[in-house]
Amino acid sequence: MKITVTVSATFAAAHRLPDHEGKCRRLHGHTYGLEVTVEGTPQPAGPAAGMVMDFAELRRCVRECVVDVLDHRLLNEVLDFTPTSEAVAAWAFGRLRDAGLPVVRVRLAEGPDSYVEVTA
């Protein structure tokens, strides 16, 4: 049996896609929606007994590793790649994995009706 735990967060950021042929070439912003899913086995004992991961701890990690880095920033100045949604989601997935989280999915939405997913 697989057990997953998911938290969501939002952040506001601007970016531009300099090589894009459409309107995204110009500076614009989004209120991004971020979902992070981890997978594991519930801990057998201790303060998190019965949990794959405490929601509060997962939220803290997501905030520190991703949201605090990107919120209210110009992504082109923060990241060393063209900040498409796909690339930002993959970057977030890697940062969270590097922080030791058992991440299996990152979903990044630019708005209510468009998103990308990175999965393990």
PDB file of N, CA and C in Angstrom:
ATOM      1  N   MET A   1       0.838  -1.173   0.000  1.00  0.00           N
ATOM      2  CA  MET A   1       0.000   0.000   0.000  1.00  0.00           C
ATOM      3  C   MET A   1       0.890   1.246   0.000  1.00  0.00           C
ATOM      4  N   LYS A   2       0.545   2.205  -0.859  1.00  0.00           N
ATOM      5  CA  LYS A   2       1.244   3.477  -0.902  1.00  0.00           C
ATOM      6  C   LYS A   2       0.460   4.504  -0.097  1.00  0.00           C
ATOM      7  N   ILE A   3       1.179   5.267   0.690  1.00  0.00           N
ATOM      8  CA  ILE A   3       0.542   6.365   1.419  1.00  0.00           C
ATOM      9  C   ILE A   3       1.258   7.644   1.037  1.00  0.00           C
ATOM     10  N   THR A   4       0.480   8.632   0.624  1.00  0.00           N
ATOM     11  CA  THR A   4       1.056   9.922   0.268  1.00  0.00           C
ATOM     12  C   THR A   4       0.475  11.007   1.157  1.00  0.00           C
ATOM     13  N   VAL A   5       1.244  12.053   1.318  1.00  0.00           N
ATOM     14  CA  VAL A   5       0.845  13.236   2.067  1.00  0.00           C
ATOM     15  C   VAL A   5       1.114  14.428   1.158  1.00  0.00           C
ATOM     16  N   THR A   6       0.141  15.319   1.035  1.00  0.00           N
ATOM     17  CA  THR A   6       0.268  16.478   0.146  1.00  0.00           C
ATOM     18  C   THR A   6      -0.050  17.755   0.902  1.00  0.00           C
ATOM     19  N   VAL A   7       0.757  18.784   0.664  1.00  0.00           N
ATOM     20  CA  VAL A   7       0.462  20.131   1.161  1.00  0.00           C
ATOM     21  C   VAL A   7       0.454  21.084  -0.021  1.00  0.00           C
ATOM     22  N   SER A   8      -0.229  22.188   0.165  1.00  0.00           N
ATOM     23  CA  SER A   8      -0.261  23.202  -0.884  1.00  0.00           C
ATOM     24  C   SER A   8       0.169  24.540  -0.321  1.00  0.00           C
ATOM     25  N   ALA A   9       0.656  25.380  -1.222  1.00  0.00           N
ATOM     26  CA  ALA A   9       1.098  26.723  -0.863  1.00  0.00           C
ATOM     27  C   ALA A   9       0.903  27.615  -2.081  1.00  0.00           C
ATOM     28  N   THR A  10       0.935  28.907  -1.866  1.00  0.00           N
ATOM     29  CA  THR A  10       0.887  29.848  -2.977  1.00  0.00           C
ATOM     30  C   THR A  10       2.027  30.842  -2.829  1.00  0.00           C
ATOM     31  N   PHE A  11       2.428  31.391  -3.956  1.00  0.00           N
ATOM     32  CA  PHE A  11       3.395  32.482  -3.952  1.00  0.00           C
ATOM     33  C   PHE A  11       3.166  33.321  -5.200  1.00  0.00           C
ATOM     34  N   ALA A  12       3.522  34.583  -5.100  1.00  0.00           N
ATOM     35  CA  ALA A  12       3.391  35.501  -6.225  1.00  0.00           C
ATOM     36  C   ALA A  12       4.780  35.787  -6.776  1.00  0.00           C
ATOM     37  N   ALA A  13       4.900  35.731  -8.096  1.00  0.00           N
ATOM     38  CA  ALA A  13       6.194  36.000  -8.715  1.00  0.00           C
ATOM     39  C   ALA A  13       5.976  36.473 -10.149  1.00  0.00           C
ATOM     40  N   ALA A  14       6.971  37.152 -10.668  1.00  0.00           N
ATOM     41  CA  ALA A  14       6.948  37.620 -12.053  1.00  0.00           C
ATOM     42  C   ALA A  14       8.026  36.890 -12.837  1.00  0.00           C
ATOM     43  N   HIS A  15       7.823  36.843 -14.141  1.00  0.00           N
ATOM     44  CA  HIS A  15       8.855  36.289 -15.014  1.00  0.00           C
ATOM     45  C   HIS A  15       8.585  36.745 -16.434  1.00  0.00           C
ATOM     46  N   ARG A  16       9.536  36.452 -17.278  1.00  0.00           N
ATOM     47  CA  ARG A  16       9.367  36.647 -18.712  1.00  0.00           C
ATOM     48  C   ARG A  16      10.087  35.511 -19.399  1.00  0.00           C
ATOM     49  N   LEU A  17       9.592  35.151 -20.571  1.00  0.00           N
ATOM     50  CA  LEU A  17      10.192  34.087 -21.360  1.00  0.00           C
ATOM     51  C   LEU A  17      10.759  34.743 -22.617  1.00  0.00           C
ATOM     52  N   PRO A  18      12.030  35.150 -22.566  1.00  0.00           N
ATOM     53  CA  PRO A  18      12.596  36.008 -23.609  1.00  0.00           C
ATOM     54  C   PRO A  18      12.570  35.426 -25.017  1.00  0.00           C
ATOM     55  N   ASP A  19      12.571  34.125 -25.157  1.00  0.00           N
ATOM     56  CA  ASP A  19      12.576  33.519 -26.491  1.00  0.00           C
ATOM     57  C   ASP A  19      11.190  33.091 -26.960  1.00  0.00           C
ATOM     58  N   HIS A  20      10.188  33.294 -26.144  1.00  0.00           N
ATOM     59  CA  HIS A  20       8.818  32.904 -26.486  1.00  0.00           C
ATOM     60  C   HIS A  20       8.276  33.840 -27.552  1.00  0.00           C
ATOM     61  N   GLU A  21       7.493  33.306 -28.474  1.00  0.00           N
ATOM     62  CA  GLU A  21       6.953  34.135 -29.553  1.00  0.00           C
ATOM     63  C   GLU A  21       5.615  34.775 -29.199  1.00  0.00           C
ATOM     64  N   GLY A  22       5.037  34.412 -28.078  1.00  0.00           N
ATOM     65  CA  GLY A  22       3.749  34.967 -27.667  1.00  0.00           C
ATOM     66  C   GLY A  22       3.899  36.059 -26.623  1.00  0.00           C
ATOM     67  N   LYS A  23       2.793  36.361 -25.970  1.00  0.00           N
ATOM     68  CA  LYS A  23       2.771  37.469 -25.008  1.00  0.00           C
ATOM     69  C   LYS A  23       3.602  37.190 -23.752  1.00  0.00           C
ATOM     70  N   CYS A  24       3.938  35.926 -23.482  1.00  0.00           N
ATOM     71  CA  CYS A  24       4.749  35.615 -22.305  1.00  0.00           C
ATOM     72  C   CYS A  24       6.190  36.100 -22.437  1.00  0.00           C
ATOM     73  N   ARG A  25       6.530  36.606 -23.606  1.00  0.00           N
ATOM     74  CA  ARG A  25       7.841  37.220 -23.818  1.00  0.00           C
ATOM     75  C   ARG A  25       7.982  38.471 -22.930  1.00  0.00           C
ATOM     76  N   ARG A  26       6.837  39.136 -22.692  1.00  0.00           N
ATOM     77  CA  ARG A  26       6.845  40.355 -21.881  1.00  0.00           C
ATOM     78  C   ARG A  26       6.774  40.001 -20.394  1.00  0.00           C
ATOM     79  N   LEU A  27       7.254  40.896 -19.575  1.00  0.00           N
ATOM     80  CA  LEU A  27       7.208  40.731 -18.128  1.00  0.00           C
ATOM     81  C   LEU A  27       5.752  40.616 -17.670  1.00  0.00           C
ATOM     82  N   HIS A  28       5.472  39.594 -16.858  1.00  0.00           N
ATOM     83  CA  HIS A  28       4.128  39.389 -16.320  1.00  0.00           C
ATOM     84  C   HIS A  28       4.249  38.567 -15.047  1.00  0.00           C
ATOM     85  N   GLY A  29       3.166  38.464 -14.310  1.00  0.00           N
ATOM     86  CA  GLY A  29       3.220  37.747 -13.047  1.00  0.00           C
ATOM     87  C   GLY A  29       2.078  36.768 -12.880  1.00  0.00           C
ATOM     88  N   HIS A  30       2.243  35.905 -11.887  1.00  0.00           N
ATOM     89  CA  HIS A  30       1.246  34.899 -11.558  1.00  0.00           C
ATOM     90  C   HIS A  30       1.157  34.776 -10.039  1.00  0.00           C
ATOM     91  N   THR A  31       0.012  34.345  -9.572  1.00  0.00           N
ATOM     92  CA  THR A  31      -0.099  33.810  -8.228  1.00  0.00           C
ATOM     93  C   THR A  31      -0.043  32.304  -8.420  1.00  0.00           C
ATOM     94  N   TYR A  32       1.122  31.749  -8.172  1.00  0.00           N
ATOM     95  CA  TYR A  32       1.357  30.326  -8.406  1.00  0.00           C
ATOM     96  C   TYR A  32       0.738  29.502  -7.284  1.00  0.00           C
ATOM     97  N   GLY A  33       0.198  28.364  -7.655  1.00  0.00           N
ATOM     98  CA  GLY A  33      -0.263  27.376  -6.694  1.00  0.00           C
ATOM     99  C   GLY A  33       0.704  26.204  -6.730  1.00  0.00           C
ATOM    100  N   LEU A  34       1.196  25.803  -5.590  1.00  0.00           N
ATOM    101  CA  LEU A  34       2.187  24.738  -5.500  1.00  0.00           C
ATOM    102  C   LEU A  34       1.642  23.614  -4.624  1.00  0.00           C
ATOM    103  N   GLU A  35       1.697  22.395  -5.131  1.00  0.00           N
ATOM    104  CA  GLU A  35       1.360  21.219  -4.333  1.00  0.00           C
ATOM    105  C   GLU A  35       2.579  20.317  -4.307  1.00  0.00           C
ATOM    106  N   VAL A  36       2.892  19.815  -3.133  1.00  0.00           N
ATOM    107  CA  VAL A  36       4.017  18.900  -2.972  1.00  0.00           C
ATOM    108  C   VAL A  36       3.501  17.635  -2.296  1.00  0.00           C
ATOM    109  N   THR A  37       3.816  16.500  -2.897  1.00  0.00           N
ATOM    110  CA  THR A  37       3.390  15.204  -2.375  1.00  0.00           C
ATOM    111  C   THR A  37       4.605  14.359  -2.036  1.00  0.00           C
ATOM    112  N   VAL A  38       4.598  13.806  -0.833  1.00  0.00           N
ATOM    113  CA  VAL A  38       5.638  12.863  -0.406  1.00  0.00           C
ATOM    114  C   VAL A  38       4.981  11.509  -0.201  1.00  0.00           C
ATOM    115  N   GLU A  39       5.796  10.467  -0.246  1.00  0.00           N
ATOM    116  CA  GLU A  39       5.285   9.111  -0.089  1.00  0.00           C
ATOM    117  C   GLU A  39       6.147   8.360   0.896  1.00  0.00           C
ATOM    118  N   GLY A  40       5.522   7.490   1.672  1.00  0.00           N
ATOM    119  CA  GLY A  40       6.295   6.694   2.609  1.00  0.00           C
ATOM    120  C   GLY A  40       5.439   5.775   3.438  1.00  0.00           C
ATOM    121  N   THR A  41       6.081   5.266   4.456  1.00  0.00           N
ATOM    122  CA  THR A  41       5.450   4.359   5.402  1.00  0.00           C
ATOM    123  C   THR A  41       5.246   5.104   6.712  1.00  0.00           C
ATOM    124  N   PRO A  42       4.104   4.956   7.331  1.00  0.00           N
ATOM    125  CA  PRO A  42       3.893   5.630   8.621  1.00  0.00           C
ATOM    126  C   PRO A  42       4.963   5.224   9.634  1.00  0.00           C
ATOM    127  N   GLN A  43       5.408   6.200  10.402  1.00  0.00           N
ATOM    128  CA  GLN A  43       6.421   5.952  11.417  1.00  0.00           C
ATOM    129  C   GLN A  43       5.815   5.107  12.537  1.00  0.00           C
ATOM    130  N   PRO A  44       6.557   4.105  13.005  1.00  0.00           N
ATOM    131  CA  PRO A  44       5.999   3.181  13.994  1.00  0.00           C
ATOM    132  C   PRO A  44       5.923   3.742  15.416  1.00  0.00           C
ATOM    133  N   ALA A  45       6.762   4.721  15.726  1.00  0.00           N
ATOM    134  CA  ALA A  45       6.804   5.230  17.107  1.00  0.00           C
ATOM    135  C   ALA A  45       7.260   6.682  17.096  1.00  0.00           C
ATOM    136  N   GLY A  46       7.241   7.280  18.261  1.00  0.00           N
ATOM    137  CA  GLY A  46       7.722   8.644  18.414  1.00  0.00           C
ATOM    138  C   GLY A  46       6.621   9.664  18.209  1.00  0.00           C
ATOM    139  N   PRO A  47       7.009  10.955  18.164  1.00  0.00           N
ATOM    140  CA  PRO A  47       6.021  12.021  18.084  1.00  0.00           C
ATOM    141  C   PRO A  47       5.205  12.008  16.789  1.00  0.00           C
ATOM    142  N   ALA A  48       5.727  11.390  15.746  1.00  0.00           N
ATOM    143  CA  ALA A  48       4.995  11.321  14.479  1.00  0.00           C
ATOM    144  C   ALA A  48       4.491   9.907  14.211  1.00  0.00           C
ATOM    145  N   ALA A  49       4.278   9.133  15.256  1.00  0.00           N
ATOM    146  CA  ALA A  49       3.796   7.756  15.104  1.00  0.00           C
ATOM    147  C   ALA A  49       2.507   7.739  14.299  1.00  0.00           C
ATOM    148  N   GLY A  50       2.456   6.848  13.320  1.00  0.00           N
ATOM    149  CA  GLY A  50       1.282   6.717  12.473  1.00  0.00           C
ATOM    150  C   GLY A  50       1.253   7.666  11.292  1.00  0.00           C
ATOM    151  N   MET A  51       2.243   8.560  11.202  1.00  0.00           N
ATOM    152  CA  MET A  51       2.295   9.544  10.112  1.00  0.00           C
ATOM    153  C   MET A  51       3.423   9.203   9.152  1.00  0.00           C
ATOM    154  N   VAL A  52       3.187   9.450   7.864  1.00  0.00           N
ATOM    155  CA  VAL A  52       4.285   9.406   6.895  1.00  0.00           C
ATOM    156  C   VAL A  52       5.189  10.600   7.174  1.00  0.00           C
ATOM    157  N   MET A  53       4.574  11.759   7.335  1.00  0.00           N
ATOM    158  CA  MET A  53       5.290  12.990   7.673  1.00  0.00           C
ATOM    159  C   MET A  53       4.278  13.964   8.249  1.00  0.00           C
ATOM    160  N   ASP A  54       4.672  14.674   9.266  1.00  0.00           N
ATOM    161  CA  ASP A  54       3.804  15.674   9.874  1.00  0.00           C
ATOM    162  C   ASP A  54       3.518  16.777   8.849  1.00  0.00           C
ATOM    163  N   PHE A  55       2.239  17.145   8.679  1.00  0.00           N
ATOM    164  CA  PHE A  55       1.878  18.203   7.735  1.00  0.00           C
ATOM    165  C   PHE A  55       2.654  19.489   8.010  1.00  0.00           C
ATOM    166  N   ALA A  56       2.802  19.845   9.275  1.00  0.00           N
ATOM    167  CA  ALA A  56       3.491  21.085   9.630  1.00  0.00           C
ATOM    168  C   ALA A  56       4.954  21.048   9.192  1.00  0.00           C
ATOM    169  N   GLU A  57       5.605  19.907   9.360  1.00  0.00           N
ATOM    170  CA  GLU A  57       7.002  19.781   8.948  1.00  0.00           C
ATOM    171  C   GLU A  57       7.126  19.859   7.429  1.00  0.00           C
ATOM    172  N   LEU A  58       6.220  19.222   6.715  1.00  0.00           N
ATOM    173  CA  LEU A  58       6.248  19.289   5.253  1.00  0.00           C
ATOM    174  C   LEU A  58       6.005  20.718   4.784  1.00  0.00           C
ATOM    175  N   ARG A  59       5.049  21.408   5.385  1.00  0.00           N
ATOM    176  CA  ARG A  59       4.796  22.816   5.021  1.00  0.00           C
ATOM    177  C   ARG A  59       6.025  23.682   5.274  1.00  0.00           C
ATOM    178  N   ARG A  60       6.693  23.458   6.400  1.00  0.00           N
ATOM    179  CA  ARG A  60       7.895  24.232   6.722  1.00  0.00           C
ATOM    180  C   ARG A  60       8.966  24.010   5.664  1.00  0.00           C
ATOM    181  N   CYS A  61       9.190  22.775   5.279  1.00  0.00           N
ATOM    182  CA  CYS A  61      10.205  22.465   4.274  1.00  0.00           C
ATOM    183  C   CYS A  61       9.869  23.102   2.927  1.00  0.00           C
ATOM    184  N   VAL A  62       8.616  23.017   2.529  1.00  0.00           N
ATOM    185  CA  VAL A  62       8.190  23.614   1.262  1.00  0.00           C
ATOM    186  C   VAL A  62       8.382  25.125   1.304  1.00  0.00           C
ATOM    187  N   ARG A  63       8.016  25.727   2.418  1.00  0.00           N
ATOM    188  CA  ARG A  63       8.179  27.177   2.556  1.00  0.00           C
ATOM    189  C   ARG A  63       9.658  27.571   2.474  1.00  0.00           C
ATOM    190  N   GLU A  64      10.501  26.899   3.251  1.00  0.00           N
ATOM    191  CA  GLU A  64      11.916  27.273   3.293  1.00  0.00           C
ATOM    192  C   GLU A  64      12.645  26.983   1.983  1.00  0.00           C
ATOM    193  N   CYS A  65      12.364  25.843   1.375  1.00  0.00           N
ATOM    194  CA  CYS A  65      13.109  25.420   0.182  1.00  0.00           C
ATOM    195  C   CYS A  65      12.624  26.070  -1.110  1.00  0.00           C
ATOM    196  N   VAL A  66      11.336  26.423  -1.158  1.00  0.00           N
ATOM    197  CA  VAL A  66      10.778  26.913  -2.420  1.00  0.00           C
ATOM    198  C   VAL A  66      10.113  28.283  -2.269  1.00  0.00           C
ATOM    199  N   VAL A  67       9.093  28.361  -1.445  1.00  0.00           N
ATOM    200  CA  VAL A  67       8.271  29.568  -1.392  1.00  0.00           C
ATOM    201  C   VAL A  67       9.088  30.791  -0.977  1.00  0.00           C
ATOM    202  N   ASP A  68       9.866  30.688   0.084  1.00  0.00           N
ATOM    203  CA  ASP A  68      10.639  31.845   0.543  1.00  0.00           C
ATOM    204  C   ASP A  68      11.674  32.298  -0.489  1.00  0.00           C
ATOM    205  N   VAL A  69      12.129  31.397  -1.325  1.00  0.00           N
ATOM    206  CA  VAL A  69      13.118  31.735  -2.356  1.00  0.00           C
ATOM    207  C   VAL A  69      12.466  32.472  -3.528  1.00  0.00           C
ATOM    208  N   LEU A  70      11.221  32.119  -3.869  1.00  0.00           N
ATOM    209  CA  LEU A  70      10.586  32.633  -5.077  1.00  0.00           C
ATOM    210  C   LEU A  70       9.529  33.714  -4.850  1.00  0.00           C
ATOM    211  N   ASP A  71       8.951  33.791  -3.668  1.00  0.00           N
ATOM    212  CA  ASP A  71       7.821  34.687  -3.430  1.00  0.00           C
ATOM    213  C   ASP A  71       8.194  36.156  -3.617  1.00  0.00           C
ATOM    214  N   HIS A  72       7.365  36.852  -4.396  1.00  0.00           N
ATOM    215  CA  HIS A  72       7.532  38.275  -4.691  1.00  0.00           C
ATOM    216  C   HIS A  72       8.910  38.577  -5.282  1.00  0.00           C
ATOM    217  N   ARG A  73       9.314  37.719  -6.197  1.00  0.00           N
ATOM    218  CA  ARG A  73      10.602  37.882  -6.870  1.00  0.00           C
ATOM    219  C   ARG A  73      10.391  37.850  -8.380  1.00  0.00           C
ATOM    220  N   LEU A  74      11.383  38.359  -9.095  1.00  0.00           N
ATOM    221  CA  LEU A  74      11.454  38.215 -10.540  1.00  0.00           C
ATOM    222  C   LEU A  74      12.245  36.932 -10.793  1.00  0.00           C
ATOM    223  N   LEU A  75      11.571  35.909 -11.239  1.00  0.00           N
ATOM    224  CA  LEU A  75      12.185  34.587 -11.349  1.00  0.00           C
ATOM    225  C   LEU A  75      13.412  34.585 -12.263  1.00  0.00           C
ATOM    226  N   ASN A  76      13.421  35.425 -13.274  1.00  0.00           N
ATOM    227  CA  ASN A  76      14.571  35.499 -14.171  1.00  0.00           C
ATOM    228  C   ASN A  76      15.843  35.944 -13.441  1.00  0.00           C
ATOM    229  N   GLU A  77      15.680  36.661 -12.337  1.00  0.00           N
ATOM    230  CA  GLU A  77      16.839  37.119 -11.558  1.00  0.00           C
ATOM    231  C   GLU A  77      17.251  36.113 -10.495  1.00  0.00           C
ATOM    232  N   VAL A  78      16.353  35.226 -10.105  1.00  0.00           N
ATOM    233  CA  VAL A  78      16.614  34.271  -9.030  1.00  0.00           C
ATOM    234  C   VAL A  78      17.143  32.943  -9.569  1.00  0.00           C
ATOM    235  N   LEU A  79      16.631  32.523 -10.704  1.00  0.00           N
ATOM    236  CA  LEU A  79      16.959  31.217 -11.264  1.00  0.00           C
ATOM    237  C   LEU A  79      17.914  31.365 -12.438  1.00  0.00           C
ATOM    238  N   ASP A  80      18.735  30.372 -12.651  1.00  0.00           N
ATOM    239  CA  ASP A  80      19.732  30.449 -13.726  1.00  0.00           C
ATOM    240  C   ASP A  80      19.278  29.708 -14.990  1.00  0.00           C
ATOM    241  N   PHE A  81      17.974  29.686 -15.225  1.00  0.00           N
ATOM    242  CA  PHE A  81      17.398  29.074 -16.417  1.00  0.00           C
ATOM    243  C   PHE A  81      16.136  29.853 -16.779  1.00  0.00           C
ATOM    244  N   THR A  82      15.634  29.645 -17.965  1.00  0.00           N
ATOM    245  CA  THR A  82      14.389  30.296 -18.373  1.00  0.00           C
ATOM    246  C   THR A  82      13.253  29.735 -17.518  1.00  0.00           C
ATOM    247  N   PRO A  83      12.575  30.594 -16.761  1.00  0.00           N
ATOM    248  CA  PRO A  83      11.613  30.125 -15.767  1.00  0.00           C
ATOM    249  C   PRO A  83      10.229  29.777 -16.327  1.00  0.00           C
ATOM    250  N   THR A  84      10.189  28.761 -17.185  1.00  0.00           N
ATOM    251  CA  THR A  84       8.893  28.215 -17.586  1.00  0.00           C
ATOM    252  C   THR A  84       8.297  27.497 -16.377  1.00  0.00           C
ATOM    253  N   SER A  85       7.022  27.261 -16.410  1.00  0.00           N
ATOM    254  CA  SER A  85       6.397  26.519 -15.303  1.00  0.00           C
ATOM    255  C   SER A  85       7.010  25.133 -15.165  1.00  0.00           C
ATOM    256  N   GLU A  86       7.276  24.492 -16.295  1.00  0.00           N
ATOM    257  CA  GLU A  86       7.882  23.161 -16.268  1.00  0.00           C
ATOM    258  C   GLU A  86       9.237  23.188 -15.567  1.00  0.00           C
ATOM    259  N   ALA A  87      10.053  24.169 -15.918  1.00  0.00           N
ATOM    260  CA  ALA A  87      11.395  24.261 -15.344  1.00  0.00           C
ATOM    261  C   ALA A  87      11.353  24.623 -13.859  1.00  0.00           C
ATOM    262  N   VAL A  88      10.446  25.506 -13.472  1.00  0.00           N
ATOM    263  CA  VAL A  88      10.335  25.891 -12.061  1.00  0.00           C
ATOM    264  C   VAL A  88       9.856  24.697 -11.231  1.00  0.00           C
ATOM    265  N   ALA A  89       8.899  23.947 -11.746  1.00  0.00           N
ATOM    266  CA  ALA A  89       8.411  22.769 -11.024  1.00  0.00           C
ATOM    267  C   ALA A  89       9.526  21.734 -10.864  1.00  0.00           C
ATOM    268  N   ALA A  90      10.303  21.509 -11.919  1.00  0.00           N
ATOM    269  CA  ALA A  90      11.419  20.555 -11.839  1.00  0.00           C
ATOM    270  C   ALA A  90      12.474  21.040 -10.850  1.00  0.00           C
ATOM    271  N   TRP A  91      12.736  22.331 -10.831  1.00  0.00           N
ATOM    272  CA  TRP A  91      13.690  22.920  -9.879  1.00  0.00           C
ATOM    273  C   TRP A  91      13.201  22.690  -8.446  1.00  0.00           C
ATOM    274  N   ALA A  92      11.907  22.952  -8.201  1.00  0.00           N
ATOM    275  CA  ALA A  92      11.346  22.756  -6.865  1.00  0.00           C
ATOM    276  C   ALA A  92      11.445  21.286  -6.452  1.00  0.00           C
ATOM    277  N   PHE A  93      11.119  20.387  -7.363  1.00  0.00           N
ATOM    278  CA  PHE A  93      11.208  18.950  -7.087  1.00  0.00           C
ATOM    279  C   PHE A  93      12.632  18.593  -6.661  1.00  0.00           C
ATOM    280  N   GLY A  94      13.618  19.071  -7.395  1.00  0.00           N
ATOM    281  CA  GLY A  94      15.018  18.788  -7.068  1.00  0.00           C
ATOM    282  C   GLY A  94      15.453  19.368  -5.735  1.00  0.00           C
ATOM    283  N   ARG A  95      15.058  20.592  -5.450  1.00  0.00           N
ATOM    284  CA  ARG A  95      15.426  21.213  -4.164  1.00  0.00           C
ATOM    285  C   ARG A  95      14.840  20.452  -2.990  1.00  0.00           C
ATOM    286  N   LEU A  96      13.599  20.038  -3.122  1.00  0.00           N
ATOM    287  CA  LEU A  96      12.954  19.303  -2.043  1.00  0.00           C
ATOM    288  C   LEU A  96      13.574  17.922  -1.865  1.00  0.00           C
ATOM    289  N   ARG A  97      13.901  17.275  -2.958  1.00  0.00           N
ATOM    290  CA  ARG A  97      14.589  15.978  -2.880  1.00  0.00           C
ATOM    291  C   ARG A  97      15.966  16.157  -2.233  1.00  0.00           C
ATOM    292  N   ASP A  98      16.683  17.203  -2.650  1.00  0.00           N
ATOM    293  CA  ASP A  98      18.008  17.476  -2.074  1.00  0.00           C
ATOM    294  C   ASP A  98      17.927  17.754  -0.583  1.00  0.00           C
ATOM    295  N   ALA A  99      16.785  18.255  -0.120  1.00  0.00           N
ATOM    296  CA  ALA A  99      16.579  18.526   1.303  1.00  0.00           C
ATOM    297  C   ALA A  99      16.216  17.254   2.067  1.00  0.00           C
ATOM    298  N   GLY A 100      16.124  16.136   1.352  1.00  0.00           N
ATOM    299  CA  GLY A 100      15.865  14.861   2.000  1.00  0.00           C
ATOM    300  C   GLY A 100      14.417  14.426   2.049  1.00  0.00           C
ATOM    301  N   LEU A 101      13.540  15.158   1.377  1.00  0.00           N
ATOM    302  CA  LEU A 101      12.127  14.781   1.388  1.00  0.00           C
ATOM    303  C   LEU A 101      11.867  13.671   0.365  1.00  0.00           C
ATOM    304  N   PRO A 102      10.999  12.719   0.697  1.00  0.00           N
ATOM    305  CA  PRO A 102      10.652  11.653  -0.241  1.00  0.00           C
ATOM    306  C   PRO A 102       9.569  12.110  -1.232  1.00  0.00           C
ATOM    307  N   VAL A 103       9.891  13.139  -2.006  1.00  0.00           N
ATOM    308  CA  VAL A 103       8.934  13.761  -2.926  1.00  0.00           C
ATOM    309  C   VAL A 103       8.642  12.822  -4.092  1.00  0.00           C
ATOM    310  N   VAL A 104       7.354  12.708  -4.412  1.00  0.00           N
ATOM    311  CA  VAL A 104       6.954  11.922  -5.582  1.00  0.00           C
ATOM    312  C   VAL A 104       6.187  12.751  -6.607  1.00  0.00           C
ATOM    313  N   ARG A 105       5.754  13.968  -6.190  1.00  0.00           N
ATOM    314  CA  ARG A 105       5.030  14.820  -7.131  1.00  0.00           C
ATOM    315  C   ARG A 105       5.116  16.276  -6.706  1.00  0.00           C
ATOM    316  N   VAL A 106       5.352  17.123  -7.694  1.00  0.00           N
ATOM    317  CA  VAL A 106       5.232  18.570  -7.522  1.00  0.00           C
ATOM    318  C   VAL A 106       4.291  19.046  -8.620  1.00  0.00           C
ATOM    319  N   ARG A 107       3.271  19.762  -8.212  1.00  0.00           N
ATOM    320  CA  ARG A 107       2.319  20.338  -9.158  1.00  0.00           C
ATOM    321  C   ARG A 107       2.391  21.847  -9.011  1.00  0.00           C
ATOM    322  N   LEU A 108       2.606  22.539 -10.122  1.00  0.00           N
ATOM    323  CA  LEU A 108       2.721  23.995 -10.105  1.00  0.00           C
ATOM    324  C   LEU A 108       1.696  24.570 -11.072  1.00  0.00           C
ATOM    325  N   ALA A 109       0.799  25.407 -10.544  1.00  0.00           N
ATOM    326  CA  ALA A 109      -0.244  26.034 -11.351  1.00  0.00           C
ATOM    327  C   ALA A 109       0.058  27.509 -11.527  1.00  0.00           C
ATOM    328  N   GLU A 110      -0.134  27.991 -12.748  1.00  0.00           N
ATOM    329  CA  GLU A 110       0.007  29.421 -13.023  1.00  0.00           C
ATOM    330  C   GLU A 110      -1.288  30.167 -12.756  1.00  0.00           C
ATOM    331  N   GLY A 111      -2.343  29.436 -12.589  1.00  0.00           N
ATOM    332  CA  GLY A 111      -3.660  30.010 -12.364  1.00  0.00           C
ATOM    333  C   GLY A 111      -4.628  28.869 -12.099  1.00  0.00           C
ATOM    334  N   PRO A 112      -5.916  29.155 -12.108  1.00  0.00           N
ATOM    335  CA  PRO A 112      -6.898  28.131 -11.737  1.00  0.00           C
ATOM    336  C   PRO A 112      -7.099  27.038 -12.782  1.00  0.00           C
ATOM    337  N   ASP A 113      -6.619  27.236 -14.013  1.00  0.00           N
ATOM    338  CA  ASP A 113      -6.938  26.269 -15.050  1.00  0.00           C
ATOM    339  C   ASP A 113      -5.738  25.780 -15.865  1.00  0.00           C
ATOM    340  N   SER A 114      -4.526  25.968 -15.354  1.00  0.00           N
ATOM    341  CA  SER A 114      -3.352  25.448 -16.063  1.00  0.00           C
ATOM    342  C   SER A 114      -2.248  25.138 -15.068  1.00  0.00           C
ATOM    343  N   TYR A 115      -1.690  23.925 -15.216  1.00  0.00           N
ATOM    344  CA  TYR A 115      -0.648  23.494 -14.299  1.00  0.00           C
ATOM    345  C   TYR A 115       0.264  22.490 -14.973  1.00  0.00           C
ATOM    346  N   VAL A 116       1.415  22.286 -14.363  1.00  0.00           N
ATOM    347  CA  VAL A 116       2.352  21.243 -14.781  1.00  0.00           C
ATOM    348  C   VAL A 116       2.612  20.348 -13.580  1.00  0.00           C
ATOM    349  N   GLU A 117       2.992  19.118 -13.857  1.00  0.00           N
ATOM    350  CA  GLU A 117       3.347  18.183 -12.788  1.00  0.00           C
ATOM    351  C   GLU A 117       4.690  17.534 -13.100  1.00  0.00           C
ATOM    352  N   VAL A 118       5.483  17.374 -12.059  1.00  0.00           N
ATOM    353  CA  VAL A 118       6.717  16.612 -12.120  1.00  0.00           C
ATOM    354  C   VAL A 118       6.516  15.459 -11.166  1.00  0.00           C
ATOM    355  N   THR A 119       6.772  14.234 -11.638  1.00  0.00           N
ATOM    356  CA  THR A 119       6.581  13.057 -10.799  1.00  0.00           C
ATOM    357  C   THR A 119       7.838  12.208 -10.802  1.00  0.00           C
ATOM    358  N   ALA A 120       7.963  11.403  -9.735  1.00  0.00           N
ATOM    359  CA  ALA A 120       9.104  10.498  -9.626  1.00  0.00           C
ATOM    360  C   ALA A 120       8.874   9.283 -10.493  1.00  0.00           C
TER     361      ALA A 120
END
